[in-house]
Every structure is written in C-alpha cells, then in structure tokens.
Amino acid sequence: MADFEQDFDLGTTLRQVRRLLPQLQRLSSQTKRQALLALSEALLERSALLLEANTLDLENCREQTVPEWILNGMKLTPERLQRAAQLLTRLAQQPDPIGRLEGGYRQENGLLINRYRVPLGLIALVYEIYPEFALNGIGMALKTGNGVIVAGNGPIQKTHQAIVELLAETAYEHGIPEGAIQSYSARPGGSSLPARDLTASPQEDSSLLLLLQQTRYLDLVIPCGRPGWVEFLLQASKVPILVTHLGYGHIYLDRTAPWPLVKSVLLDHLAQYGSEGIPIYQPLTLWLLLHPDWAAAHLAQLIEALLSQGIDIQAAAPILEQFPDLHPIGEGFDSTERPHLRLQPISDLAEAITWINKNGYHQSETILTDSQSAAQRFLQEVDAALIHINTSPLSAGRGAGIPTLGAFWDLSLGISTQRLHVRGPVDVEALTTVKVVAQGGL
C-alpha cells in the first residue's frame, strides 16, 4: 500500500502537467515540428548514452530467467534507434491534427455547429518490454499537444530514465513547456519505479496501481506488454485504458487464391523473420485456414516451402493423416526463433468467417482470394479491427520494436480491438478528441 508521501508526490507531478495543458494546446504546428525534428537528431547524436544504459539493463536481465523474445524486445540497437529517429522525422512532417475542422452544419435558426480536433489531455504510457514504445509515444503525444507521463515497468529502468530525460530535455530546449514530458516516480525524491522481475505477478506492482487510480488527473492510459499483464491493468485501472493486443490472427486461403499471391504475401514475408532477419518481438503464431480445393492443389507445395524455411508447423488431424511428420495442434511453442504456423482445413468461406469470429483476437484477419465477392463478404462479416485483403499482415516491426501490423506499423502504437474510443491503428488521431462549437452571429 502506498504511503501519503507517495500519493502527494504523484499527485503534485500530475497537477503540474495538467496546468501546462492550455500551453500545449496553443503550441504552433511549426514549434511542434521543430521539436520533433530535434528529438530525432538527439536520438542519433546521443545514441551512445541510450545504448550504454540499455546494455547495463540487459546484463541484469540475463541473470533472470527471461524468455529470449522478451530480451529481444528490450534490446536497443543502433539500427532500432535510427529507425525510431526516422519515425519522429516522418511524424514531424505529418499534417497537424490539432485545430482541424471535422465538419459542421447550420441549423434552421441560423446557429452554426462545428467540430474541431483538440488534444486529449494528459496521457500515461505504461510499457513492460519495448523501449521504442516510449520513443514513439512521446513523439505522438507531443505532435498532438498532450501532456505525457511515461512509466517503464520492466527491468529496464536505466534505459527508461535515459530515454525520458533525453527527450524531455530536448523538447524543452525547442519550445515545449518544461515538465510536459514526465517519467513516473513512485517514491519521494524522484526515484524510478522499482525494477520488477518479469516472472512476478502483476498484482505486486502497487506503485503502478497507484498511477492507474488517478482519475482526477489522467485522461487515458496506453499500456504495452504481455497479454496477461495488460489484461490485469485493464481490470485494475480506474482510468480509461486503450488496450493494444498482440497476435497475428488468421489467414484464410480461399479456393481461388493463386499460388504466386500466397508466395508473395505469406512465404516471402515469413522468410524475412528470425535471428538473421526481422527480429521476433513476441511469439508469432499464425493460423492458416485452408479451403479444401486450395489444399488439394497446393498443400504439399506449401508445407515443403515452410519446412525449407525452418518454420515449425502444427496441423489438424485431417492434414496429419496426409502428412504424419507434422506436429499435432497443441497449446503452444517453446521456441520463437522462427514464426510458427497452424494448419486448419475449412470447408468454405462461411465456416472460415465463423471460425475467425469465434476463435480470433478481433485484431487483424486476412483473406487471400481471387474472388471479389469472397473478399467483400469477408470484409463485411469478419469482426476485426483490421482486415487484410491480398496483403500481408506480417509487414510489421521492421526495426521499430513494437509489434503492430500492416501498413500502419510505423506510425502507430499498436492495434486496438476496442470499440471506444479507438478501434484499429492507434495513430496520432487516437490521441485527440473533438470540441463542438455552437456559434451565433458575431
């Protein structure tokens, strides 16, 4: 249980940031653009500082029993920092969403009703594993004129402090109000959240739970971490949480899916993952739902191609009868050096849609087909935040460190499966809201 001093320190910090919100909303697009470009330059010029802090954290982590994919997700490299800097530059060049007219109309009595895009307010970014989440999240909060408090809750506290201090100092030097970017300090004197053993129960994070109770000051919490950890935060928080889920869902291979399309969308992307290619930031398991006509024509060729890439395959019983050397579908995989696939025969499109809606994450689902009607029905009936039609859900995480999906991977904080207030990619617009203005004659 937190003591009074802890409550007082956190409340003081949050009050200070909230007092800055009017100043942040008034920032010009040019000021925000220059600050984001400065953040990008700072990441490159002072990368050695961040890499040194990260190296010390990783050395401590290796003394614990931590899965390899988590260690990989914690790691910063020059390439990842360069990519993060590129994303900040792209963010700087995007149109400013704040102040944008969203639409309006005039009532019969002459009253003009307009809706304008405004900042959301004070946002808490809470991450367990991926330090790039803090880099991208701070940049997106700055772009949208929000105050931000960042809590790094895994055992990479030196990395966390180095990131937040560098970006906060640089932003202040380039016109952002001092104190608009904060690192969560749960103890008097400004010390960081204690490093936590990743094998511990999330219920032990009393200092983090204190942050999640700050309904008076916080407008939104965005977490990033393992599914069980994020689910606990969702249940424990009194502040609204915008949950982004990990997982890559299903790919339905329709009867008419051409082999060249399957190769380019699935096989060619899978070949890029692994220790020598795109790092795996999470256990990557895909379900392939196979129409029987497609399987009759191409299944043997598909399995041969997957095995040649060193990809582990599990298969349902009807496929095992034909290919007994494959593994039966089980609870999961131990290794994450390569992606893992599960092969499931599906009688037709209708059964595929039913299967996905029952078993999916409602996050990202894919159809490969040469039929416009099949694609249209899949789009209309599958309950998911993001639908891929003849494009790969695997073009994700290329050095960004955050497991997001598809064409949105580089300018979002993940994919939300919620219906309020954001569904789909958590982009800069997700960090805004609207203000309705009713105007009479002037």
Protein backbone atom coordinates (compact mmCIF):
# COMPACT_ATOMS: atom_id res chain seq x y z
CA MET A 1 0.00 0.00 0.00
CA ALA A 2 1.43 3.38 -0.96
CA ASP A 3 2.02 5.91 1.81
CA PHE A 4 0.88 9.53 1.92
CA GLU A 5 4.16 10.89 0.59
CA GLN A 6 3.92 8.73 -2.49
CA ASP A 7 0.34 9.89 -3.10
CA PHE A 8 1.39 13.51 -2.63
CA ASP A 9 4.39 13.32 -4.98
CA LEU A 10 2.48 11.66 -7.80
CA GLY A 11 -0.47 14.00 -7.42
CA THR A 12 1.84 17.04 -7.47
CA THR A 13 3.50 15.88 -10.67
CA LEU A 14 0.19 15.24 -12.41
CA ARG A 15 -1.23 18.58 -11.30
CA GLN A 16 1.82 20.34 -12.71
CA VAL A 17 1.38 18.67 -16.09
CA ARG A 18 -2.33 19.46 -16.19
CA ARG A 19 -1.59 23.14 -15.62
CA LEU A 20 0.51 23.04 -18.79
CA LEU A 21 -2.25 21.64 -21.00
CA PRO A 22 -3.53 25.05 -22.22
CA GLN A 23 0.03 25.99 -23.23
CA LEU A 24 0.45 22.71 -25.06
CA GLN A 25 -2.79 23.18 -26.97
CA ARG A 26 -1.64 26.64 -28.10
CA LEU A 27 1.67 25.40 -29.50
CA SER A 28 2.07 26.24 -33.16
CA SER A 29 2.48 23.50 -35.73
CA GLN A 30 5.93 24.90 -36.53
CA THR A 31 7.07 24.68 -32.89
CA LYS A 32 5.94 21.07 -32.63
CA ARG A 33 7.56 20.24 -35.94
CA GLN A 34 10.90 21.74 -34.89
CA ALA A 35 10.77 19.94 -31.54
CA LEU A 36 10.12 16.57 -33.18
CA LEU A 37 12.99 17.08 -35.60
CA ALA A 38 15.20 17.96 -32.65
CA LEU A 39 14.15 14.75 -30.88
CA SER A 40 15.08 12.80 -34.00
CA GLU A 41 18.52 14.42 -34.10
CA ALA A 42 19.05 13.85 -30.38
CA LEU A 43 18.40 10.11 -30.73
CA LEU A 44 21.16 9.87 -33.32
CA GLU A 45 23.63 12.26 -31.70
CA ARG A 46 23.30 10.76 -28.21
CA SER A 47 22.59 7.17 -29.11
CA ALA A 48 25.68 6.01 -27.23
CA LEU A 49 24.10 7.20 -23.98
CA LEU A 50 20.94 5.19 -24.58
CA LEU A 51 22.82 2.10 -25.75
CA GLU A 52 25.05 2.15 -22.69
CA ALA A 53 22.07 2.32 -20.36
CA ASN A 54 20.36 -0.47 -22.29
CA THR A 55 23.44 -2.68 -22.14
CA LEU A 56 23.54 -2.38 -18.35
CA ASP A 57 19.86 -3.28 -18.12
CA LEU A 58 20.25 -6.31 -20.38
CA GLU A 59 23.18 -7.59 -18.34
CA ASN A 60 20.95 -7.52 -15.25
CA CYS A 61 18.12 -9.21 -17.15
CA ARG A 62 20.29 -12.12 -18.23
CA GLU A 63 20.72 -13.04 -14.58
CA GLN A 64 16.99 -13.77 -14.52
CA THR A 65 15.10 -16.49 -16.36
CA VAL A 66 13.68 -14.31 -19.12
CA PRO A 67 12.39 -15.69 -22.46
CA GLU A 68 14.54 -14.83 -25.44
CA TRP A 69 11.77 -12.94 -27.20
CA ILE A 70 11.39 -10.64 -24.20
CA LEU A 71 15.13 -9.95 -24.09
CA ASN A 72 14.99 -9.19 -27.78
CA GLY A 73 12.09 -6.82 -27.22
CA MET A 74 14.04 -4.96 -24.51
CA LYS A 75 17.12 -4.52 -26.63
CA LEU A 76 18.09 -1.26 -28.29
CA THR A 77 20.47 -1.29 -31.25
CA PRO A 78 21.87 1.50 -33.45
CA GLU A 79 19.54 0.30 -36.20
CA ARG A 80 16.46 0.47 -33.97
CA LEU A 81 17.37 3.94 -32.74
CA GLN A 82 17.95 5.07 -36.31
CA ARG A 83 14.53 3.74 -37.27
CA ALA A 84 12.94 5.50 -34.29
CA ALA A 85 14.61 8.73 -35.37
CA GLN A 86 13.24 8.29 -38.89
CA LEU A 87 9.74 7.81 -37.50
CA LEU A 88 9.99 11.01 -35.47
CA THR A 89 11.04 12.83 -38.64
CA ARG A 90 8.05 11.42 -40.51
CA LEU A 91 5.81 12.39 -37.62
CA ALA A 92 7.13 15.95 -37.78
CA GLN A 93 6.23 16.14 -41.46
CA GLN A 94 2.65 14.92 -41.00
CA PRO A 95 -0.18 17.49 -41.02
CA ASP A 96 -1.01 18.83 -37.56
CA PRO A 97 -4.36 17.33 -36.48
CA ILE A 98 -4.99 19.93 -33.75
CA GLY A 99 -7.46 22.64 -34.74
CA ARG A 100 -8.63 20.75 -37.80
CA LEU A 101 -12.28 21.32 -38.71
CA GLU A 102 -14.04 17.95 -38.63
CA GLY A 103 -17.26 19.18 -40.19
CA GLY A 104 -20.16 21.37 -39.39
CA TYR A 105 -23.67 22.43 -40.31
CA ARG A 106 -26.04 25.35 -39.83
CA GLN A 107 -29.33 24.86 -38.02
CA GLU A 108 -32.60 26.32 -39.20
CA ASN A 109 -32.33 29.08 -36.57
CA GLY A 110 -29.02 30.17 -38.05
CA LEU A 111 -26.81 28.60 -35.35
CA LEU A 112 -23.53 27.26 -36.80
CA ILE A 113 -22.33 23.95 -35.31
CA ASN A 114 -18.67 22.97 -35.91
CA ARG A 115 -16.46 20.16 -34.59
CA TYR A 116 -12.75 20.79 -34.10
CA ARG A 117 -9.95 18.34 -33.33
CA VAL A 118 -8.30 19.06 -29.93
CA PRO A 119 -5.75 17.30 -27.66
CA LEU A 120 -6.99 14.51 -25.43
CA GLY A 121 -5.26 15.88 -22.31
CA LEU A 122 -2.86 14.01 -20.03
CA ILE A 123 -1.84 10.53 -21.21
CA ALA A 124 0.06 7.82 -19.31
CA LEU A 125 2.22 5.49 -21.41
CA VAL A 126 2.93 2.29 -19.48
CA TYR A 127 5.22 -0.30 -21.01
CA GLU A 128 6.71 -3.53 -19.80
CA ILE A 129 9.09 -4.57 -22.54
CA TYR A 130 9.52 -2.36 -25.58
CA PRO A 131 11.55 0.86 -25.04
CA GLU A 132 10.63 2.07 -28.53
CA PHE A 133 7.06 2.36 -27.23
CA ALA A 134 8.24 5.28 -25.11
CA LEU A 135 10.09 6.88 -28.04
CA ASN A 136 7.13 6.70 -30.40
CA GLY A 137 4.56 7.51 -27.73
CA ILE A 138 6.32 10.66 -26.53
CA GLY A 139 6.63 11.87 -30.11
CA MET A 140 2.95 11.25 -30.84
CA ALA A 141 1.87 12.96 -27.61
CA LEU A 142 3.98 15.99 -28.50
CA LYS A 143 2.53 16.10 -32.02
CA THR A 144 -0.99 16.19 -30.61
CA GLY A 145 -0.37 18.73 -27.86
CA ASN A 146 -0.86 16.30 -24.97
CA GLY A 147 0.93 16.08 -21.67
CA VAL A 148 2.51 12.68 -21.10
CA ILE A 149 3.78 10.66 -18.17
CA VAL A 150 5.78 7.55 -19.05
CA ALA A 151 6.12 4.53 -16.77
CA GLY A 152 8.64 1.84 -17.67
CA ASN A 153 7.60 -1.13 -15.60
CA GLY A 154 10.04 -3.84 -16.62
CA PRO A 155 13.65 -4.35 -15.52
CA ILE A 156 15.00 -1.77 -17.99
CA GLN A 157 14.86 1.26 -15.72
CA LYS A 158 18.19 2.75 -16.79
CA THR A 159 17.02 2.65 -20.41
CA HIS A 160 13.70 4.16 -19.44
CA GLN A 161 15.21 7.04 -17.50
CA ALA A 162 17.75 7.80 -20.22
CA ILE A 163 15.03 7.93 -22.90
CA VAL A 164 12.61 10.16 -20.99
CA GLU A 165 15.30 12.52 -19.71
CA LEU A 166 16.84 12.95 -23.15
CA LEU A 167 13.53 13.60 -24.92
CA ALA A 168 12.14 15.86 -22.18
CA GLU A 169 15.30 17.99 -22.08
CA THR A 170 15.48 18.26 -25.88
CA ALA A 171 11.80 19.14 -26.19
CA TYR A 172 12.14 21.90 -23.59
CA GLU A 173 15.13 23.36 -25.43
CA HIS A 174 12.98 23.63 -28.56
CA GLY A 175 9.88 25.35 -27.28
CA ILE A 176 7.89 22.68 -25.41
CA PRO A 177 6.82 23.78 -21.89
CA GLU A 178 9.09 22.41 -19.18
CA GLY A 179 7.50 19.44 -17.40
CA ALA A 180 5.17 18.42 -20.22
CA ILE A 181 7.03 15.09 -20.53
CA GLN A 182 7.38 13.24 -17.23
CA SER A 183 8.79 9.94 -16.03
CA TYR A 184 6.66 8.26 -13.39
CA SER A 185 8.37 8.45 -9.99
CA ALA A 186 6.65 6.48 -7.28
CA ARG A 187 8.97 7.43 -4.41
CA PRO A 188 9.85 10.70 -2.72
CA GLY A 189 12.92 12.28 -4.25
CA GLY A 190 12.06 11.28 -7.80
CA SER A 191 13.41 7.73 -7.89
CA SER A 192 12.05 5.47 -10.60
CA LEU A 193 9.59 2.67 -10.42
CA PRO A 194 11.42 -0.31 -8.93
CA ALA A 195 12.69 -2.83 -11.44
CA ARG A 196 10.38 -5.84 -11.45
CA ASP A 197 11.11 -9.48 -12.03
CA LEU A 198 9.11 -10.41 -15.14
CA THR A 199 8.17 -13.71 -13.53
CA ALA A 200 6.37 -11.87 -10.71
CA SER A 201 2.64 -11.45 -10.58
CA PRO A 202 1.40 -8.08 -11.87
CA GLN A 203 -0.63 -7.73 -8.67
CA GLU A 204 2.66 -6.97 -6.89
CA ASP A 205 3.06 -3.67 -8.78
CA SER A 206 1.45 -1.49 -6.11
CA SER A 207 3.34 1.59 -7.28
CA LEU A 208 1.97 1.16 -10.80
CA LEU A 209 -1.53 0.56 -9.47
CA LEU A 210 -1.32 3.94 -7.76
CA LEU A 211 -0.90 5.60 -11.16
CA LEU A 212 -3.93 3.77 -12.52
CA GLN A 213 -6.18 5.29 -9.84
CA GLN A 214 -5.52 8.92 -10.83
CA THR A 215 -8.90 9.64 -12.40
CA ARG A 216 -8.73 13.26 -11.32
CA TYR A 217 -5.70 13.96 -13.49
CA LEU A 218 -5.24 11.30 -16.15
CA ASP A 219 -7.41 11.12 -19.26
CA LEU A 220 -6.07 7.90 -20.80
CA VAL A 221 -3.62 5.07 -20.15
CA ILE A 222 -1.99 3.23 -23.07
CA PRO A 223 -0.15 0.05 -22.00
CA CYS A 224 2.24 -2.16 -23.96
CA GLY A 225 3.33 -5.57 -22.73
CA ARG A 226 2.45 -9.23 -22.42
CA PRO A 227 -1.25 -10.06 -22.79
CA GLY A 228 -1.72 -11.22 -19.18
CA TRP A 229 -0.04 -8.11 -17.80
CA VAL A 230 -2.10 -5.79 -19.98
CA GLU A 231 -5.31 -7.62 -19.06
CA PHE A 232 -4.54 -7.15 -15.37
CA LEU A 233 -4.03 -3.42 -15.89
CA LEU A 234 -7.31 -3.24 -17.77
CA GLN A 235 -9.16 -4.82 -14.87
CA ALA A 236 -7.35 -2.83 -12.15
CA SER A 237 -7.40 0.64 -13.68
CA LYS A 238 -9.98 3.29 -12.84
CA VAL A 239 -8.60 5.47 -15.64
CA PRO A 240 -9.80 4.59 -19.18
CA ILE A 241 -7.31 2.25 -20.88
CA LEU A 242 -6.68 1.95 -24.59
CA VAL A 243 -5.58 -1.65 -24.99
CA THR A 244 -3.48 -2.82 -27.90
CA HIS A 245 -3.34 -6.59 -28.37
CA LEU A 246 -0.51 -8.76 -29.62
CA GLY A 247 -1.15 -11.55 -32.08
CA TYR A 248 -1.44 -12.04 -35.81
CA GLY A 249 -4.73 -13.90 -36.16
CA HIS A 250 -5.72 -15.97 -39.18
CA ILE A 251 -5.00 -16.09 -42.89
CA TYR A 252 -7.78 -17.72 -44.90
CA LEU A 253 -6.59 -19.25 -48.18
CA ASP A 254 -9.71 -19.19 -50.32
CA ARG A 255 -10.40 -21.67 -53.09
CA THR A 256 -9.27 -19.17 -55.74
CA ALA A 257 -6.11 -17.89 -54.03
CA PRO A 258 -3.35 -18.01 -56.70
CA TRP A 259 -0.07 -19.61 -55.66
CA PRO A 260 2.03 -16.56 -56.67
CA LEU A 261 -0.12 -14.43 -54.37
CA VAL A 262 0.36 -16.84 -51.46
CA LYS A 263 4.09 -16.86 -52.09
CA SER A 264 4.45 -13.08 -52.18
CA VAL A 265 2.07 -12.29 -49.30
CA LEU A 266 2.91 -15.17 -46.96
CA LEU A 267 6.07 -17.08 -47.80
CA ASP A 268 8.25 -14.16 -48.85
CA HIS A 269 7.35 -12.24 -45.68
CA LEU A 270 7.88 -15.25 -43.42
CA ALA A 271 11.36 -15.71 -44.89
CA GLN A 272 12.39 -12.32 -43.51
CA TYR A 273 11.70 -13.24 -39.87
CA GLY A 274 14.17 -14.78 -37.46
CA SER A 275 17.59 -14.19 -35.99
CA GLU A 276 19.14 -13.11 -39.29
CA GLY A 277 16.20 -11.03 -40.47
CA ILE A 278 13.36 -9.17 -38.81
CA PRO A 279 13.57 -9.83 -35.05
CA ILE A 280 10.61 -11.54 -33.43
CA TYR A 281 9.33 -9.30 -30.64
CA GLN A 282 6.69 -11.73 -29.47
CA PRO A 283 5.72 -15.39 -30.01
CA LEU A 284 4.48 -15.26 -33.60
CA THR A 285 1.85 -17.89 -34.34
CA LEU A 286 -0.38 -17.78 -37.41
CA TRP A 287 -3.42 -19.90 -38.17
CA LEU A 288 -3.76 -20.81 -41.84
CA LEU A 289 -7.35 -21.75 -42.71
CA LEU A 290 -7.31 -23.82 -45.90
CA HIS A 291 -10.17 -24.30 -48.35
CA PRO A 292 -10.20 -27.99 -49.42
CA ASP A 293 -9.91 -27.18 -53.13
CA TRP A 294 -6.89 -24.97 -52.48
CA ALA A 295 -5.33 -27.59 -50.21
CA ALA A 296 -5.80 -30.30 -52.83
CA ALA A 297 -3.87 -28.24 -55.34
CA HIS A 298 -1.18 -26.59 -53.21
CA LEU A 299 -0.90 -28.03 -49.68
CA ALA A 300 2.12 -30.24 -50.36
CA GLN A 301 3.92 -27.36 -52.04
CA LEU A 302 3.08 -25.05 -49.12
CA ILE A 303 4.35 -27.46 -46.47
CA GLU A 304 7.57 -28.09 -48.40
CA ALA A 305 8.19 -24.34 -48.69
CA LEU A 306 7.51 -23.72 -45.00
CA LEU A 307 9.75 -26.55 -43.81
CA SER A 308 12.55 -25.37 -46.09
CA GLN A 309 12.43 -22.04 -44.23
CA GLY A 310 12.76 -23.79 -40.87
CA ILE A 311 9.24 -22.84 -39.79
CA ASP A 312 7.54 -25.05 -37.23
CA ILE A 313 4.17 -26.41 -38.32
CA GLN A 314 1.28 -27.85 -36.36
CA ALA A 315 -1.65 -29.36 -38.20
CA ALA A 316 -5.18 -30.55 -37.55
CA ALA A 317 -5.99 -34.25 -37.74
CA PRO A 318 -7.16 -34.39 -41.39
CA ILE A 319 -3.85 -32.87 -42.54
CA LEU A 320 -1.82 -35.11 -40.21
CA GLU A 321 -3.30 -38.15 -41.93
CA GLN A 322 -1.72 -36.97 -45.16
CA PHE A 323 1.46 -35.54 -43.59
CA PRO A 324 2.19 -37.64 -40.46
CA ASP A 325 5.60 -36.00 -39.85
CA LEU A 326 3.96 -32.72 -38.80
CA HIS A 327 3.10 -31.97 -35.18
CA PRO A 328 -0.48 -32.03 -33.90
CA ILE A 329 -2.01 -28.74 -32.82
CA GLY A 330 -1.19 -28.18 -29.17
CA GLU A 331 -1.02 -25.50 -26.53
CA GLY A 332 1.89 -23.53 -27.94
CA PHE A 333 5.51 -23.46 -28.99
CA ASP A 334 8.63 -23.23 -26.86
CA SER A 335 10.94 -21.71 -29.44
CA THR A 336 10.47 -18.30 -31.01
CA GLU A 337 13.46 -18.27 -33.33
CA ARG A 338 11.08 -18.55 -36.29
CA PRO A 339 7.35 -17.96 -36.80
CA HIS A 340 5.03 -20.89 -36.15
CA LEU A 341 2.05 -21.92 -38.24
CA ARG A 342 -1.04 -23.97 -37.52
CA LEU A 343 -2.83 -25.54 -40.47
CA GLN A 344 -6.59 -25.98 -40.22
CA PRO A 345 -8.84 -27.28 -43.02
CA ILE A 346 -12.01 -25.21 -43.50
CA SER A 347 -14.91 -26.34 -45.69
CA ASP A 348 -15.78 -22.95 -47.18
CA LEU A 349 -15.80 -19.18 -46.67
CA ALA A 350 -18.80 -19.27 -44.33
CA GLU A 351 -17.06 -21.70 -41.98
CA ALA A 352 -13.88 -19.61 -42.12
CA ILE A 353 -15.78 -16.50 -41.03
CA THR A 354 -17.48 -18.41 -38.20
CA TRP A 355 -14.15 -19.88 -37.06
CA ILE A 356 -12.41 -16.48 -37.03
CA ASN A 357 -15.22 -14.71 -35.18
CA LYS A 358 -15.27 -17.44 -32.54
CA ASN A 359 -11.53 -18.00 -32.07
CA GLY A 360 -9.81 -14.81 -33.21
CA TYR A 361 -8.34 -11.84 -31.35
CA HIS A 362 -10.66 -9.47 -33.27
CA GLN A 363 -7.50 -7.63 -34.16
CA SER A 364 -6.15 -8.44 -37.63
CA GLU A 365 -7.55 -11.01 -40.04
CA THR A 366 -6.55 -11.80 -43.63
CA ILE A 367 -8.05 -13.33 -46.76
CA LEU A 368 -6.15 -14.34 -49.87
CA THR A 369 -8.52 -14.79 -52.80
CA ASP A 370 -9.10 -14.12 -56.47
CA SER A 371 -12.83 -13.60 -55.86
CA GLN A 372 -14.18 -10.09 -55.35
CA SER A 373 -17.41 -11.42 -53.84
CA ALA A 374 -15.48 -13.56 -51.32
CA ALA A 375 -13.33 -10.60 -50.34
CA GLN A 376 -16.40 -8.40 -49.90
CA ARG A 377 -18.19 -10.95 -47.72
CA PHE A 378 -15.04 -11.46 -45.60
CA LEU A 379 -14.76 -7.69 -45.13
CA GLN A 380 -18.39 -7.32 -44.11
CA GLU A 381 -18.77 -10.32 -41.79
CA VAL A 382 -15.42 -10.79 -40.03
CA ASP A 383 -15.36 -9.00 -36.67
CA ALA A 384 -11.87 -7.50 -36.54
CA ALA A 385 -10.30 -4.07 -36.19
CA LEU A 386 -8.11 -4.53 -39.26
CA ILE A 387 -8.86 -6.58 -42.37
CA HIS A 388 -6.17 -7.51 -44.91
CA ILE A 389 -7.29 -8.44 -48.41
CA ASN A 390 -4.50 -9.91 -50.55
CA THR A 391 -1.86 -8.11 -48.50
CA SER A 392 0.36 -9.37 -45.72
CA PRO A 393 -0.29 -8.86 -42.00
CA LEU A 394 3.39 -9.60 -41.44
CA SER A 395 4.96 -6.35 -42.64
CA ALA A 396 5.43 -5.40 -39.01
CA GLY A 397 8.16 -4.45 -36.58
CA ARG A 398 10.89 -3.66 -39.09
CA GLY A 399 13.27 -2.26 -36.51
CA ALA A 400 10.54 -0.33 -34.71
CA GLY A 401 10.38 -2.73 -31.81
CA ILE A 402 6.62 -2.51 -31.41
CA PRO A 403 4.53 -5.44 -32.68
CA THR A 404 1.98 -3.65 -34.79
CA LEU A 405 0.59 -4.71 -38.11
CA GLY A 406 0.37 -3.96 -41.79
CA ALA A 407 0.77 -0.59 -43.43
CA PHE A 408 0.26 1.16 -40.08
CA TRP A 409 3.21 -0.35 -38.24
CA ASP A 410 5.50 2.67 -38.43
CA LEU A 411 3.22 5.45 -37.14
CA SER A 412 1.08 3.75 -34.53
CA LEU A 413 1.35 2.37 -31.01
CA GLY A 414 -0.40 -0.87 -31.88
CA ILE A 415 -3.79 -2.14 -32.98
CA SER A 416 -6.75 -1.56 -30.67
CA THR A 417 -9.59 -4.08 -30.67
CA GLN A 418 -11.81 -1.84 -28.56
CA ARG A 419 -14.81 -0.04 -29.99
CA LEU A 420 -14.44 3.05 -27.79
CA HIS A 421 -12.80 5.39 -28.36
CA VAL A 422 -10.41 3.92 -30.95
CA ARG A 423 -10.56 0.75 -33.00
CA GLY A 424 -7.72 -0.16 -35.30
CA PRO A 425 -4.31 1.51 -35.52
CA VAL A 426 -3.52 3.76 -32.56
CA ASP A 427 -2.24 6.70 -34.60
CA VAL A 428 -1.95 10.40 -33.75
CA GLU A 429 -5.69 10.93 -34.18
CA ALA A 430 -6.27 8.36 -31.42
CA LEU A 431 -4.58 10.81 -29.03
CA THR A 432 -7.11 13.55 -29.81
CA THR A 433 -10.78 14.25 -29.22
CA VAL A 434 -13.23 16.82 -30.56
CA LYS A 435 -14.64 20.09 -29.30
CA VAL A 436 -18.10 21.11 -30.53
CA VAL A 437 -18.61 24.82 -31.04
CA ALA A 438 -22.07 26.36 -31.40
CA GLN A 439 -21.79 29.87 -32.84
CA GLY A 440 -24.39 32.54 -33.35
CA GLY A 441 -23.92 35.85 -35.13
CA LEU A 442 -20.81 37.96 -34.47
